[in-house]
Amino acid sequence: MTLKRLYFLLLLTLLLLAGCASSPDIPEPDFVLTYAENQPEGYPTVLGAQCFAELVKERTEGKVIIQVKHSGEFGSESEVLDQMVFGGIDFARVSLAELSDEIPKLNVLQLPFLYTDADHMWRILDGKIGEEFLTVFSEADLVGLSWYDAGARCFYTDVKPIRSPADMQGLTVRVQDSQLVMDMVRLLGATPVTFHYGDVSYAFEMGKIDAAENNWPAYQIQEHYRLAKFFTVDEHSRVPEIQLASSQTWQKLPAEYREIISQCARESALYQRQLWTEQESSSRAAAIDAGCVEIIPWIEDRNDFRVLIEPLYEKYCSEYMDLVHQIRNG
């Protein structure tokens, strides 16, 4: 084979490869967007985000690609929110506590003993009130897309069962870094302390805390049940989480894509809630199977707790008490 012919065949091969790379069967996306999630791979909120991304890709025929980054790759929730304001991150799932200082109305959805059960909460959030709350995120240059489940938080301790407010007296309780939650614990007669979620086990081991509060998955996955065997199913706090878009990103998207993304976000939320219910059930079963948990059943008459924390409603939501009553009666 002559050198000239070899050169021709090489050139032809390169042209064919270039043609394959630009095949019309693989559409070039109009947008490649980012999604921040701080939970680990396989967690219900991460799976919900991945479902959301897959639905968007499918329904835009590959024109909108959303890359989900989990395990806090983009930083803490507060750092993610700072970047979203400038469009540095396009989507995220965050807790309401991160935004309640900037949007005080969100304190309503964080009030303890606000709902009777999960069905009550979803009836509110999937209705008119929930739709109205989605609009308030514009105050922080964000777009509310859908509500994700984070379960119900309960008290657990290594000292004694908690069956009434009297059992809370004198306990040191690890809580989220939220002034509202800290005030709740004080009103129940205990002392709140805040530190990183990952340090709860160490705090129990060193006797720095007597109790903590969280949901079943956190209790089981972090193996807190080995250190605090008394789990009281009081469900004092049932706070949803929010799936958001950056306003900067939203304004760049055509109306057609916005509509698709909004619908996909709502569908992914239904999927995530189903996953959460399954995770909650399996975590509870796993903790019980470990053989060292004593469950104090759901406190049917929670009025003793509710009366004590009533001052929180006026302190944090005095401007929204009509709304609070609507939710309680909904």
Protein backbone atom coordinates (compact mmCIF):
# COMPACT_ATOMS: atom_id res chain seq x y z
CA MET A 1 0.00 0.00 0.00
CA THR A 2 1.37 3.35 -1.03
CA LEU A 3 1.88 6.12 1.50
CA LYS A 4 -0.64 8.24 -0.42
CA ARG A 5 -3.32 5.54 -0.21
CA LEU A 6 -2.61 5.00 3.51
CA TYR A 7 -3.04 8.71 4.13
CA PHE A 8 -6.36 8.68 2.22
CA LEU A 9 -7.73 5.76 4.27
CA LEU A 10 -6.68 7.41 7.53
CA LEU A 11 -8.41 10.64 6.52
CA LEU A 12 -11.56 8.73 5.56
CA THR A 13 -11.61 6.95 8.94
CA LEU A 14 -11.33 10.24 10.80
CA LEU A 15 -14.18 11.72 8.79
CA LEU A 16 -16.38 8.69 9.51
CA LEU A 17 -15.65 8.92 13.23
CA ALA A 18 -16.47 12.60 13.22
CA GLY A 19 -19.75 11.83 11.50
CA CYS A 20 -20.64 9.25 14.16
CA ALA A 21 -19.84 11.68 16.96
CA SER A 22 -22.23 14.26 15.54
CA SER A 23 -25.00 11.77 14.77
CA PRO A 24 -28.46 13.37 14.76
CA ASP A 25 -29.65 10.44 16.95
CA ILE A 26 -27.79 11.99 19.90
CA PRO A 27 -29.29 15.48 20.35
CA GLU A 28 -27.14 18.29 21.61
CA PRO A 29 -28.70 19.55 24.90
CA ASP A 30 -29.90 23.13 25.12
CA PHE A 31 -29.15 23.23 28.85
CA VAL A 32 -26.87 21.24 31.16
CA LEU A 33 -27.89 22.12 34.72
CA THR A 34 -26.71 21.20 38.22
CA TYR A 35 -28.61 19.83 41.23
CA ALA A 36 -27.20 19.84 44.78
CA GLU A 37 -28.12 17.20 47.37
CA ASN A 38 -26.32 16.77 50.69
CA GLN A 39 -27.51 13.25 51.52
CA PRO A 40 -25.56 10.11 50.50
CA GLU A 41 -26.19 7.99 47.44
CA GLY A 42 -29.26 5.77 47.80
CA TYR A 43 -31.03 8.09 50.27
CA PRO A 44 -34.71 8.79 49.40
CA THR A 45 -34.11 12.47 48.62
CA VAL A 46 -31.19 11.59 46.33
CA LEU A 47 -33.27 8.96 44.53
CA GLY A 48 -36.04 11.53 44.19
CA ALA A 49 -33.62 14.02 42.64
CA GLN A 50 -32.34 11.40 40.21
CA CYS A 51 -35.91 10.51 39.25
CA PHE A 52 -36.56 14.21 38.62
CA ALA A 53 -33.49 14.47 36.35
CA GLU A 54 -34.46 11.35 34.40
CA LEU A 55 -38.02 12.57 33.84
CA VAL A 56 -36.82 15.96 32.62
CA LYS A 57 -34.32 14.38 30.23
CA GLU A 58 -36.98 12.03 28.83
CA ARG A 59 -39.69 14.65 28.37
CA THR A 60 -37.40 17.24 26.81
CA GLU A 61 -35.96 14.53 24.56
CA GLY A 62 -32.50 15.14 25.91
CA LYS A 63 -32.63 18.91 25.49
CA VAL A 64 -32.38 19.56 29.25
CA ILE A 65 -29.83 17.57 31.23
CA ILE A 66 -29.75 17.84 35.04
CA GLN A 67 -26.62 16.52 36.75
CA VAL A 68 -27.36 15.44 40.36
CA LYS A 69 -24.44 15.77 42.77
CA HIS A 70 -25.03 14.12 46.16
CA SER A 71 -23.14 13.74 49.46
CA GLY A 72 -22.65 17.49 49.82
CA GLU A 73 -20.33 17.76 46.82
CA PHE A 74 -21.36 21.41 46.37
CA GLY A 75 -21.06 22.23 50.07
CA SER A 76 -23.51 22.66 52.93
CA GLU A 77 -27.13 23.62 52.31
CA SER A 78 -26.43 27.23 53.27
CA GLU A 79 -23.47 27.35 50.85
CA VAL A 80 -25.62 25.84 48.11
CA LEU A 81 -28.32 28.45 48.64
CA ASP A 82 -25.75 31.24 48.41
CA GLN A 83 -24.64 29.89 45.03
CA MET A 84 -28.20 29.47 43.78
CA VAL A 85 -28.90 33.17 44.21
CA PHE A 86 -26.32 33.86 41.48
CA GLY A 87 -27.22 30.85 39.35
CA GLY A 88 -24.05 29.00 40.26
CA ILE A 89 -26.20 25.99 41.14
CA ASP A 90 -29.49 25.47 39.33
CA PHE A 91 -31.53 23.11 41.55
CA ALA A 92 -31.40 21.76 45.10
CA ARG A 93 -33.35 20.06 47.85
CA VAL A 94 -32.97 21.82 51.20
CA SER A 95 -34.54 21.99 54.65
CA LEU A 96 -36.83 24.90 55.50
CA ALA A 97 -34.72 25.84 58.52
CA GLU A 98 -32.05 27.17 56.14
CA LEU A 99 -34.45 29.78 54.78
CA SER A 100 -36.71 30.71 57.69
CA ASP A 101 -34.57 33.69 58.78
CA GLU A 102 -34.93 35.22 55.32
CA ILE A 103 -38.54 34.10 54.85
CA PRO A 104 -40.19 34.23 58.33
CA LYS A 105 -43.47 32.82 57.03
CA LEU A 106 -41.74 29.43 56.71
CA ASN A 107 -41.71 29.23 60.52
CA VAL A 108 -45.38 28.31 60.27
CA LEU A 109 -44.48 24.99 58.63
CA GLN A 110 -41.90 24.27 61.34
CA LEU A 111 -44.18 24.69 64.35
CA PRO A 112 -44.26 21.60 66.59
CA PHE A 113 -47.50 19.64 66.95
CA LEU A 114 -48.95 21.47 63.95
CA TYR A 115 -50.41 18.37 62.28
CA THR A 116 -52.23 15.33 63.61
CA ASP A 117 -50.40 12.96 61.24
CA ALA A 118 -48.73 12.62 57.83
CA ASP A 119 -52.01 12.55 55.92
CA HIS A 120 -52.96 15.87 57.50
CA MET A 121 -49.67 17.47 56.40
CA TRP A 122 -49.89 16.27 52.79
CA ARG A 123 -53.53 17.33 52.58
CA ILE A 124 -52.35 20.85 53.44
CA LEU A 125 -49.20 20.95 51.30
CA ASP A 126 -50.82 19.42 48.23
CA GLY A 127 -53.69 21.90 48.47
CA LYS A 128 -54.17 25.64 48.18
CA ILE A 129 -52.06 26.50 51.24
CA GLY A 130 -49.13 24.47 49.95
CA GLU A 131 -49.36 26.20 46.57
CA GLU A 132 -49.29 29.60 48.26
CA PHE A 133 -46.21 28.63 50.26
CA LEU A 134 -44.37 27.64 47.08
CA THR A 135 -44.59 31.26 45.94
CA VAL A 136 -42.86 32.73 49.02
CA PHE A 137 -39.44 31.47 47.94
CA SER A 138 -39.29 34.27 45.40
CA GLU A 139 -38.35 36.49 48.38
CA ALA A 140 -35.00 34.68 48.37
CA ASP A 141 -34.59 34.69 44.56
CA LEU A 142 -35.67 31.06 44.38
CA VAL A 143 -38.49 29.11 42.76
CA GLY A 144 -40.40 26.57 44.85
CA LEU A 145 -41.02 23.38 42.84
CA SER A 146 -42.32 20.62 45.14
CA TRP A 147 -42.46 19.29 48.71
CA TYR A 148 -40.31 16.33 49.77
CA ASP A 149 -40.87 14.17 52.85
CA ALA A 150 -38.48 14.26 55.81
CA GLY A 151 -40.61 12.22 58.19
CA ALA A 152 -41.54 13.00 61.77
CA ARG A 153 -38.99 13.83 64.46
CA CYS A 154 -39.28 12.09 67.81
CA PHE A 155 -37.36 12.14 71.11
CA TYR A 156 -35.06 9.29 72.09
CA THR A 157 -32.97 8.94 75.23
CA ASP A 158 -30.65 6.67 77.15
CA VAL A 159 -31.91 7.76 80.56
CA LYS A 160 -35.62 6.97 80.82
CA PRO A 161 -38.75 6.73 78.69
CA ILE A 162 -40.42 10.03 77.83
CA ARG A 163 -44.16 9.67 78.29
CA SER A 164 -45.05 13.20 79.44
CA PRO A 165 -43.44 16.63 79.73
CA ALA A 166 -42.48 15.74 83.30
CA ASP A 167 -40.06 13.17 81.90
CA MET A 168 -38.27 15.92 79.95
CA GLN A 169 -37.29 17.84 83.07
CA GLY A 170 -33.53 18.25 83.45
CA LEU A 171 -32.55 16.38 80.28
CA THR A 172 -29.87 17.69 77.93
CA VAL A 173 -31.15 17.25 74.38
CA ARG A 174 -29.25 17.56 71.12
CA VAL A 175 -31.35 19.49 68.58
CA GLN A 176 -30.99 21.05 65.14
CA ASP A 177 -29.38 24.47 64.96
CA SER A 178 -32.75 26.19 65.00
CA GLN A 179 -33.81 28.82 67.53
CA LEU A 180 -37.41 27.66 67.26
CA VAL A 181 -36.49 24.06 68.14
CA MET A 182 -34.24 25.16 70.98
CA ASP A 183 -37.06 27.25 72.43
CA MET A 184 -39.40 24.26 72.15
CA VAL A 185 -37.07 22.07 74.21
CA ARG A 186 -36.67 24.78 76.85
CA LEU A 187 -40.45 25.12 77.16
CA LEU A 188 -40.65 21.36 77.74
CA GLY A 189 -38.23 21.69 80.66
CA ALA A 190 -35.03 20.38 79.05
CA THR A 191 -31.75 21.99 77.99
CA PRO A 192 -31.03 22.13 74.25
CA VAL A 193 -27.54 21.81 72.79
CA THR A 194 -26.49 22.00 69.14
CA PHE A 195 -23.58 20.37 67.36
CA HIS A 196 -22.92 18.44 64.17
CA TYR A 197 -25.29 15.58 63.38
CA GLY A 198 -22.34 13.22 62.95
CA ASP A 199 -21.22 13.82 66.56
CA VAL A 200 -24.43 12.61 68.24
CA SER A 201 -23.10 9.10 68.93
CA TYR A 202 -19.94 10.49 70.50
CA ALA A 203 -22.01 12.88 72.65
CA PHE A 204 -24.10 9.99 73.99
CA GLU A 205 -20.99 7.93 74.69
CA MET A 206 -19.30 10.77 76.55
CA GLY A 207 -22.40 11.67 78.55
CA LYS A 208 -22.66 15.12 77.00
CA ILE A 209 -26.34 14.57 76.15
CA ASP A 210 -29.20 12.53 77.60
CA ALA A 211 -31.42 12.63 74.55
CA ALA A 212 -31.75 13.65 70.91
CA GLU A 213 -34.58 14.04 68.41
CA ASN A 214 -34.79 12.81 64.87
CA ASN A 215 -36.67 10.49 62.52
CA TRP A 216 -36.54 6.68 62.29
CA PRO A 217 -34.03 6.51 59.38
CA ALA A 218 -31.55 8.78 61.17
CA TYR A 219 -31.98 6.84 64.42
CA GLN A 220 -31.34 3.52 62.68
CA ILE A 221 -28.75 4.42 60.02
CA GLN A 222 -26.53 6.24 62.55
CA GLU A 223 -27.09 3.37 65.02
CA HIS A 224 -28.23 5.73 67.76
CA TYR A 225 -30.46 2.91 68.98
CA ARG A 226 -27.36 1.25 70.46
CA LEU A 227 -26.82 4.28 72.70
CA ALA A 228 -30.36 5.57 73.33
CA LYS A 229 -32.81 2.70 73.55
CA PHE A 230 -35.94 4.60 74.60
CA PHE A 231 -37.68 5.90 71.45
CA THR A 232 -40.83 7.94 72.08
CA VAL A 233 -43.13 8.12 69.07
CA ASP A 234 -44.39 11.63 69.90
CA GLU A 235 -43.91 13.03 66.36
CA HIS A 236 -43.49 16.52 67.78
CA SER A 237 -42.15 17.91 64.52
CA ARG A 238 -43.14 17.08 60.96
CA VAL A 239 -41.35 19.49 58.63
CA PRO A 240 -41.29 18.97 54.85
CA GLU A 241 -38.28 19.77 52.70
CA ILE A 242 -38.37 21.83 49.55
CA GLN A 243 -37.14 21.24 46.01
CA LEU A 244 -35.97 24.53 44.53
CA ALA A 245 -34.74 26.16 41.35
CA SER A 246 -32.55 29.24 41.07
CA SER A 247 -34.51 32.26 39.83
CA GLN A 248 -31.52 33.14 37.63
CA THR A 249 -31.76 29.75 35.95
CA TRP A 250 -35.56 29.83 35.76
CA GLN A 251 -35.59 33.11 33.86
CA LYS A 252 -33.29 31.65 31.20
CA LEU A 253 -35.52 28.66 30.51
CA PRO A 254 -38.21 28.76 27.81
CA ALA A 255 -41.80 28.49 29.08
CA GLU A 256 -42.09 25.01 27.59
CA TYR A 257 -39.17 23.72 29.63
CA ARG A 258 -40.41 25.43 32.80
CA GLU A 259 -43.74 23.64 32.51
CA ILE A 260 -42.07 20.27 31.98
CA ILE A 261 -39.66 20.80 34.88
CA SER A 262 -42.47 21.84 37.23
CA GLN A 263 -44.48 18.74 36.40
CA CYS A 264 -41.47 16.45 36.73
CA ALA A 265 -40.63 17.97 40.13
CA ARG A 266 -44.12 17.17 41.43
CA GLU A 267 -43.99 13.63 40.10
CA SER A 268 -40.56 13.06 41.62
CA ALA A 269 -41.94 14.28 44.96
CA LEU A 270 -44.64 11.59 44.92
CA TYR A 271 -41.95 9.01 44.18
CA GLN A 272 -39.70 10.34 46.95
CA ARG A 273 -42.53 10.22 49.50
CA GLN A 274 -43.16 6.58 48.65
CA LEU A 275 -39.46 5.82 49.08
CA TRP A 276 -39.44 7.67 52.40
CA THR A 277 -42.37 5.64 53.72
CA GLU A 278 -40.56 2.44 52.76
CA GLN A 279 -37.30 3.65 54.31
CA GLU A 280 -39.07 4.68 57.51
CA SER A 281 -40.72 1.28 57.82
CA SER A 282 -37.52 -0.66 57.13
CA SER A 283 -35.47 1.51 59.50
CA ARG A 284 -37.97 1.01 62.31
CA ALA A 285 -37.96 -2.75 61.73
CA ALA A 286 -34.15 -2.88 61.62
CA ALA A 287 -33.83 -0.94 64.88
CA ILE A 288 -36.34 -3.22 66.59
CA ASP A 289 -34.66 -6.35 65.23
CA ALA A 290 -31.41 -5.22 66.85
CA GLY A 291 -33.10 -6.17 70.12
CA CYS A 292 -32.13 -3.15 72.21
CA VAL A 293 -34.95 -0.68 71.52
CA GLU A 294 -37.89 0.08 73.76
CA ILE A 295 -40.62 1.92 71.87
CA ILE A 296 -42.87 4.25 73.81
CA PRO A 297 -46.03 4.30 71.65
CA TRP A 298 -47.40 7.39 69.99
CA ILE A 299 -48.82 9.68 72.65
CA GLU A 300 -52.47 9.95 71.66
CA ASP A 301 -53.23 12.80 74.03
CA ARG A 302 -50.47 15.29 73.26
CA ASN A 303 -52.27 18.25 74.78
CA ASP A 304 -49.87 18.43 77.74
CA PHE A 305 -46.99 18.96 75.29
CA ARG A 306 -49.00 21.26 73.03
CA VAL A 307 -50.07 23.56 75.87
CA LEU A 308 -46.47 24.03 77.00
CA ILE A 309 -45.16 24.96 73.56
CA GLU A 310 -48.07 27.25 72.67
CA PRO A 311 -45.96 30.42 73.31
CA LEU A 312 -43.85 29.47 70.25
CA TYR A 313 -46.82 30.09 67.99
CA GLU A 314 -47.13 33.72 69.03
CA LYS A 315 -43.38 34.33 69.24
CA TYR A 316 -42.58 33.11 65.74
CA CYS A 317 -45.86 33.35 63.86
CA SER A 318 -47.93 36.14 65.44
CA GLU A 319 -48.54 37.65 61.97
CA TYR A 320 -49.76 34.33 60.60
CA MET A 321 -52.04 32.97 63.31
CA ASP A 322 -55.04 32.87 60.98
CA LEU A 323 -53.00 30.67 58.66
CA VAL A 324 -51.90 28.49 61.59
CA HIS A 325 -55.54 27.93 62.57
CA GLN A 326 -56.42 27.06 58.98
CA ILE A 327 -53.69 24.43 58.91
CA ARG A 328 -54.62 22.95 62.28
CA ASN A 329 -58.24 22.68 61.23
CA GLY A 330 -57.48 21.50 57.70
